[in-house]
PDB file of N, CA and C in Angstrom:
ATOM      1  N   MET A   1     -50.378 -79.523-128.990  1.00  0.00           N
ATOM      2  CA  MET A   1     -48.705 -79.780-129.473  1.00  0.00           C
ATOM      3  C   MET A   1     -47.917 -79.690-127.949  1.00  0.00           C
ATOM      4  N   VAL A   2     -47.258 -80.634-128.042  1.00  0.00           N
ATOM      5  CA  VAL A   2     -46.398 -80.502-126.755  1.00  0.00           C
ATOM      6  C   VAL A   2     -44.816 -80.627-127.158  1.00  0.00           C
ATOM      7  N   PHE A   3     -44.113 -79.569-126.842  1.00  0.00           N
ATOM      8  CA  PHE A   3     -42.729 -79.294-127.220  1.00  0.00           C
ATOM      9  C   PHE A   3     -41.873 -79.517-126.093  1.00  0.00           C
ATOM     10  N   PRO A   4     -40.622 -80.063-126.197  1.00  0.00           N
ATOM     11  CA  PRO A   4     -39.773 -80.236-124.973  1.00  0.00           C
ATOM     12  C   PRO A   4     -39.580 -78.738-124.445  1.00  0.00           C
ATOM     13  N   LEU A   5     -39.972 -78.443-123.185  1.00  0.00           N
ATOM     14  CA  LEU A   5     -39.751 -77.129-122.487  1.00  0.00           C
ATOM     15  C   LEU A   5     -38.583 -76.529-122.610  1.00  0.00           C
ATOM     16  N   GLU A   6     -37.773 -77.340-122.008  1.00  0.00           N
ATOM     17  CA  GLU A   6     -36.156 -76.741-122.205  1.00  0.00           C
ATOM     18  C   GLU A   6     -35.781 -76.186-123.381  1.00  0.00           C
ATOM     19  N   LYS A   7     -36.004 -77.195-124.304  1.00  0.00           N
ATOM     20  CA  LYS A   7     -35.493 -76.949-125.670  1.00  0.00           C
ATOM     21  C   LYS A   7     -36.183 -75.711-126.233  1.00  0.00           C
ATOM     22  N   LEU A   8     -37.415 -75.365-125.916  1.00  0.00           N
ATOM     23  CA  LEU A   8     -38.352 -74.516-126.517  1.00  0.00           C
ATOM     24  C   LEU A   8     -37.806 -73.238-125.697  1.00  0.00           C
ATOM     25  N   VAL A   9     -37.403 -73.131-124.542  1.00  0.00           N
ATOM     26  CA  VAL A   9     -36.908 -72.009-123.853  1.00  0.00           C
ATOM     27  C   VAL A   9     -35.510 -71.522-124.684  1.00  0.00           C
ATOM     28  N   GLU A  10     -34.672 -72.613-124.963  1.00  0.00           N
ATOM     29  CA  GLU A  10     -33.445 -72.288-125.625  1.00  0.00           C
ATOM     30  C   GLU A  10     -33.450 -71.932-127.127  1.00  0.00           C
ATOM     31  N   PHE A  11     -34.558 -72.135-127.590  1.00  0.00           N
ATOM     32  CA  PHE A  11     -34.646 -72.001-128.946  1.00  0.00           C
ATOM     33  C   PHE A  11     -34.624 -70.390-129.563  1.00  0.00           C
ATOM     34  N   LYS A  12     -33.725 -70.105-130.320  1.00  0.00           N
ATOM     35  CA  LYS A  12     -33.551 -68.564-130.830  1.00  0.00           C
ATOM     36  C   LYS A  12     -34.234 -68.303-132.180  1.00  0.00           C
ATOM     37  N   ASP A  13     -34.616 -69.360-132.909  1.00  0.00           N
ATOM     38  CA  ASP A  13     -35.127 -68.984-134.348  1.00  0.00           C
ATOM     39  C   ASP A  13     -36.638 -68.786-134.116  1.00  0.00           C
ATOM     40  N   ASN A  14     -37.317 -68.595-135.401  1.00  0.00           N
ATOM     41  CA  ASN A  14     -38.634 -68.654-135.597  1.00  0.00           C
ATOM     42  C   ASN A  14     -39.491 -69.613-135.038  1.00  0.00           C
ATOM     43  N   ILE A  15     -40.183 -69.465-133.921  1.00  0.00           N
ATOM     44  CA  ILE A  15     -41.060 -70.497-133.479  1.00  0.00           C
ATOM     45  C   ILE A  15     -42.016 -71.031-134.469  1.00  0.00           C
ATOM     46  N   TYR A  16     -42.573 -70.323-135.258  1.00  0.00           N
ATOM     47  CA  TYR A  16     -43.501 -70.771-136.061  1.00  0.00           C
ATOM     48  C   TYR A  16     -43.171 -71.551-137.143  1.00  0.00           C
ATOM     49  N   GLU A  17     -41.702 -71.447-137.598  1.00  0.00           N
ATOM     50  CA  GLU A  17     -41.048 -72.309-138.479  1.00  0.00           C
ATOM     51  C   GLU A  17     -41.053 -73.735-137.888  1.00  0.00           C
ATOM     52  N   ILE A  18     -40.483 -73.946-136.826  1.00  0.00           N
ATOM     53  CA  ILE A  18     -40.224 -75.258-136.138  1.00  0.00           C
ATOM     54  C   ILE A  18     -41.464 -75.903-135.795  1.00  0.00           C
ATOM     55  N   THR A  19     -42.507 -74.797-135.732  1.00  0.00           N
ATOM     56  CA  THR A  19     -44.023 -75.512-135.321  1.00  0.00           C
ATOM     57  C   THR A  19     -44.419 -76.359-136.603  1.00  0.00           C
ATOM     58  N   VAL A  20     -44.228 -75.553-137.618  1.00  0.00           N
ATOM     59  CA  VAL A  20     -44.874 -76.020-138.962  1.00  0.00           C
ATOM     60  C   VAL A  20     -44.139 -77.186-139.306  1.00  0.00           C
ATOM     61  N   ALA A  21     -42.436 -77.030-139.179  1.00  0.00           N
ATOM     62  CA  ALA A  21     -41.729 -78.294-139.514  1.00  0.00           C
ATOM     63  C   ALA A  21     -42.053 -79.518-138.807  1.00  0.00           C
ATOM     64  N   ALA A  22     -42.171 -79.434-137.386  1.00  0.00           N
ATOM     65  CA  ALA A  22     -42.595 -80.469-136.539  1.00  0.00           C
ATOM     66  C   ALA A  22     -44.092 -80.950-136.986  1.00  0.00           C
ATOM     67  N   SER A  23     -44.898 -80.241-137.419  1.00  0.00           N
ATOM     68  CA  SER A  23     -46.124 -80.844-137.892  1.00  0.00           C
ATOM     69  C   SER A  23     -46.074 -81.493-138.977  1.00  0.00           C
ATOM     70  N   ARG A  24     -45.220 -81.278-140.152  1.00  0.00           N
ATOM     71  CA  ARG A  24     -45.044 -81.946-141.372  1.00  0.00           C
ATOM     72  C   ARG A  24     -44.074 -82.961-141.389  1.00  0.00           C
ATOM     73  N   ARG A  25     -43.259 -83.158-140.147  1.00  0.00           N
ATOM     74  CA  ARG A  25     -42.357 -84.197-139.897  1.00  0.00           C
ATOM     75  C   ARG A  25     -43.371 -85.447-139.335  1.00  0.00           C
ATOM     76  N   ALA A  26     -44.388 -84.993-138.276  1.00  0.00           N
ATOM     77  CA  ALA A  26     -45.265 -85.799-137.682  1.00  0.00           C
ATOM     78  C   ALA A  26     -45.878 -86.548-138.727  1.00  0.00           C
ATOM     79  N   TYR A  27     -46.420 -85.941-139.869  1.00  0.00           N
ATOM     80  CA  TYR A  27     -47.224 -86.441-140.775  1.00  0.00           C
ATOM     81  C   TYR A  27     -46.330 -87.430-141.425  1.00  0.00           C
ATOM     82  N   GLN A  28     -45.308 -87.164-141.629  1.00  0.00           N
ATOM     83  CA  GLN A  28     -44.338 -88.229-142.362  1.00  0.00           C
ATOM     84  C   GLN A  28     -44.130 -89.304-141.539  1.00  0.00           C
ATOM     85  N   MET A  29     -43.891 -89.242-140.317  1.00  0.00           N
ATOM     86  CA  MET A  29     -43.661 -90.279-139.118  1.00  0.00           C
ATOM     87  C   MET A  29     -44.751 -91.167-139.263  1.00  0.00           C
ATOM     88  N   ALA A  30     -46.116 -90.728-139.146  1.00  0.00           N
ATOM     89  CA  ALA A  30     -47.275 -91.351-139.112  1.00  0.00           C
ATOM     90  C   ALA A  30     -47.807 -92.164-140.232  1.00  0.00           C
ATOM     91  N   ARG A  31     -47.153 -91.485-141.684  1.00  0.00           N
ATOM     92  CA  ARG A  31     -47.712 -92.340-142.761  1.00  0.00           C
ATOM     93  C   ARG A  31     -46.733 -93.466-142.877  1.00  0.00           C
ATOM     94  N   VAL A  32     -45.278 -93.656-142.298  1.00  0.00           N
ATOM     95  CA  VAL A  32     -44.557 -94.800-142.366  1.00  0.00           C
ATOM     96  C   VAL A  32     -44.660 -95.461-141.050  1.00  0.00           C
ATOM     97  N   ASN A  33     -45.482 -95.139-140.159  1.00  0.00           N
ATOM     98  CA  ASN A  33     -45.683 -95.985-139.134  1.00  0.00           C
ATOM     99  C   ASN A  33     -44.371 -96.120-138.206  1.00  0.00           C
ATOM    100  N   ASP A  34     -43.799 -94.904-138.102  1.00  0.00           N
ATOM    101  CA  ASP A  34     -42.259 -94.745-137.253  1.00  0.00           C
ATOM    102  C   ASP A  34     -42.293 -95.434-136.159  1.00  0.00           C
ATOM    103  N   PRO A  35     -41.464 -96.484-136.060  1.00  0.00           N
ATOM    104  CA  PRO A  35     -41.521 -97.154-134.743  1.00  0.00           C
ATOM    105  C   PRO A  35     -40.973 -96.402-133.504  1.00  0.00           C
ATOM    106  N   GLU A  36     -40.386 -95.020-133.628  1.00  0.00           N
ATOM    107  CA  GLU A  36     -40.038 -94.237-132.661  1.00  0.00           C
ATOM    108  C   GLU A  36     -41.027 -93.864-131.809  1.00  0.00           C
ATOM    109  N   ILE A  37     -42.309 -93.574-132.619  1.00  0.00           N
ATOM    110  CA  ILE A  37     -43.493 -92.987-131.938  1.00  0.00           C
ATOM    111  C   ILE A  37     -44.040 -94.169-131.012  1.00  0.00           C
ATOM    112  N   GLU A  38     -44.007 -95.093-131.449  1.00  0.00           N
ATOM    113  CA  GLU A  38     -44.478 -96.377-130.385  1.00  0.00           C
ATOM    114  C   GLU A  38     -43.509 -96.661-129.362  1.00  0.00           C
ATOM    115  N   ALA A  39     -42.388 -96.815-129.845  1.00  0.00           N
ATOM    116  CA  ALA A  39     -41.177 -97.141-128.745  1.00  0.00           C
ATOM    117  C   ALA A  39     -41.311 -96.183-127.529  1.00  0.00           C
ATOM    118  N   ASN A  40     -41.428 -95.020-127.795  1.00  0.00           N
ATOM    119  CA  ASN A  40     -41.519 -93.801-126.675  1.00  0.00           C
ATOM    120  C   ASN A  40     -42.821 -93.318-126.207  1.00  0.00           C
ATOM    121  N   GLN A  41     -43.842 -94.016-126.775  1.00  0.00           N
ATOM    122  CA  GLN A  41     -45.257 -93.822-126.459  1.00  0.00           C
ATOM    123  C   GLN A  41     -45.678 -92.465-126.395  1.00  0.00           C
ATOM    124  N   ASP A  42     -45.002 -91.777-127.582  1.00  0.00           N
ATOM    125  CA  ASP A  42     -45.497 -90.150-127.807  1.00  0.00           C
ATOM    126  C   ASP A  42     -46.287 -89.962-128.489  1.00  0.00           C
ATOM    127  N   LYS A  43     -46.676 -88.677-128.710  1.00  0.00           N
ATOM    128  CA  LYS A  43     -47.681 -88.373-129.522  1.00  0.00           C
ATOM    129  C   LYS A  43     -46.870 -88.146-130.841  1.00  0.00           C
ATOM    130  N   ASP A  44     -47.493 -88.111-132.191  1.00  0.00           N
ATOM    131  CA  ASP A  44     -46.519 -88.058-133.220  1.00  0.00           C
ATOM    132  C   ASP A  44     -45.831 -86.681-133.423  1.00  0.00           C
ATOM    133  N   VAL A  45     -46.648 -85.440-132.861  1.00  0.00           N
ATOM    134  CA  VAL A  45     -45.892 -84.161-132.988  1.00  0.00           C
ATOM    135  C   VAL A  45     -44.857 -83.889-131.977  1.00  0.00           C
ATOM    136  N   CYS A  46     -45.003 -84.590-130.721  1.00  0.00           N
ATOM    137  CA  CYS A  46     -44.022 -84.462-129.830  1.00  0.00           C
ATOM    138  C   CYS A  46     -42.871 -85.225-130.175  1.00  0.00           C
ATOM    139  N   ALA A  47     -42.868 -86.509-130.657  1.00  0.00           N
ATOM    140  CA  ALA A  47     -41.780 -87.063-131.202  1.00  0.00           C
ATOM    141  C   ALA A  47     -40.975 -86.328-132.164  1.00  0.00           C
ATOM    142  N   ALA A  48     -41.820 -85.795-133.233  1.00  0.00           N
ATOM    143  CA  ALA A  48     -41.437 -85.223-134.137  1.00  0.00           C
ATOM    144  C   ALA A  48     -40.338 -83.808-133.760  1.00  0.00           C
ATOM    145  N   ALA A  49     -41.264 -83.177-132.839  1.00  0.00           N
ATOM    146  CA  ALA A  49     -40.461 -82.039-132.165  1.00  0.00           C
ATOM    147  C   ALA A  49     -38.825 -82.323-131.581  1.00  0.00           C
ATOM    148  N   LYS A  50     -39.268 -83.505-130.800  1.00  0.00           N
ATOM    149  CA  LYS A  50     -37.843 -83.926-130.294  1.00  0.00           C
ATOM    150  C   LYS A  50     -36.966 -84.265-131.196  1.00  0.00           C
ATOM    151  N   GLN A  51     -36.967 -84.638-132.375  1.00  0.00           N
ATOM    152  CA  GLN A  51     -36.117 -85.069-133.272  1.00  0.00           C
ATOM    153  C   GLN A  51     -35.597 -83.552-134.188  1.00  0.00           C
ATOM    154  N   LEU A  52     -36.459 -82.683-134.061  1.00  0.00           N
ATOM    155  CA  LEU A  52     -36.071 -81.371-134.749  1.00  0.00           C
ATOM    156  C   LEU A  52     -35.042 -80.757-133.625  1.00  0.00           C
ATOM    157  N   PHE A  53     -35.475 -80.673-132.467  1.00  0.00           N
ATOM    158  CA  PHE A  53     -34.628 -80.019-131.439  1.00  0.00           C
ATOM    159  C   PHE A  53     -33.296 -80.564-130.996  1.00  0.00           C
ATOM    160  N   ASN A  54     -33.288 -81.922-131.240  1.00  0.00           N
ATOM    161  CA  ASN A  54     -32.182 -82.565-131.043  1.00  0.00           C
ATOM    162  C   ASN A  54     -31.303 -82.746-132.384  1.00  0.00           C
ATOM    163  N   LYS A  55     -31.609 -82.135-133.390  1.00  0.00           N
ATOM    164  CA  LYS A  55     -31.224 -82.172-134.737  1.00  0.00           C
ATOM    165  C   LYS A  55     -30.830 -83.697-135.293  1.00  0.00           C
ATOM    166  N   LYS A  56     -31.830 -84.479-135.060  1.00  0.00           N
ATOM    167  CA  LYS A  56     -31.845 -85.625-135.600  1.00  0.00           C
ATOM    168  C   LYS A  56     -32.305 -85.654-137.154  1.00  0.00           C
ATOM    169  N   VAL A  57     -33.113 -84.699-137.093  1.00  0.00           N
ATOM    170  CA  VAL A  57     -33.412 -84.279-138.503  1.00  0.00           C
ATOM    171  C   VAL A  57     -33.572 -82.620-138.831  1.00  0.00           C
ATOM    172  N   THR A  58     -33.455 -82.388-140.023  1.00  0.00           N
ATOM    173  CA  THR A  58     -33.430 -80.677-140.128  1.00  0.00           C
ATOM    174  C   THR A  58     -34.565 -80.576-141.165  1.00  0.00           C
ATOM    175  N   TYR A  59     -34.700 -79.313-141.455  1.00  0.00           N
ATOM    176  CA  TYR A  59     -35.713 -78.598-142.173  1.00  0.00           C
ATOM    177  C   TYR A  59     -35.065 -77.242-142.751  1.00  0.00           C
ATOM    178  N   ARG A  60     -35.848 -77.066-143.892  1.00  0.00           N
ATOM    179  CA  ARG A  60     -35.363 -75.872-144.703  1.00  0.00           C
ATOM    180  C   ARG A  60     -36.678 -75.014-145.309  1.00  0.00           C
ATOM    181  N   ILE A  61     -36.482 -73.810-145.354  1.00  0.00           N
ATOM    182  CA  ILE A  61     -37.481 -73.085-145.945  1.00  0.00           C
ATOM    183  C   ILE A  61     -37.456 -72.929-147.418  1.00  0.00           C
ATOM    184  N   GLU A  62     -38.454 -73.016-148.180  1.00  0.00           N
ATOM    185  CA  GLU A  62     -38.422 -73.117-149.545  1.00  0.00           C
ATOM    186  C   GLU A  62     -39.298 -71.671-149.784  1.00  0.00           C
ATOM    187  N   HIS A  63     -38.435 -70.940-150.659  1.00  0.00           N
ATOM    188  CA  HIS A  63     -39.307 -69.494-150.678  1.00  0.00           C
ATOM    189  C   HIS A  63     -40.056 -69.785-152.215  1.00  0.00           C
ATOM    190  N   LYS A  64     -41.131 -69.383-152.320  1.00  0.00           N
ATOM    191  CA  LYS A  64     -41.960 -69.253-153.713  1.00  0.00           C
ATOM    192  C   LYS A  64     -41.859 -67.806-154.193  1.00  0.00           C
ATOM    193  N   ASP A  65     -41.353 -67.915-155.500  1.00  0.00           N
ATOM    194  CA  ASP A  65     -41.710 -66.434-155.929  1.00  0.00           C
ATOM    195  C   ASP A  65     -42.893 -66.104-156.888  1.00  0.00           C
TER     196      ASP A  65
END
């Protein structure tokens, strides 16, 4: 999994959370054949990570009781 290094260094939250969010977002993008993946010739997870770090998409944690 390749994350944008400059964004990763600046990231102050839980790295595990954003890793899981990027994986799930990549799955979503692959399922709908997101044109951003092909346009940038990125791997799915890399494109998803860029979206998360640039706040193009957001995520939230759902706690199960």
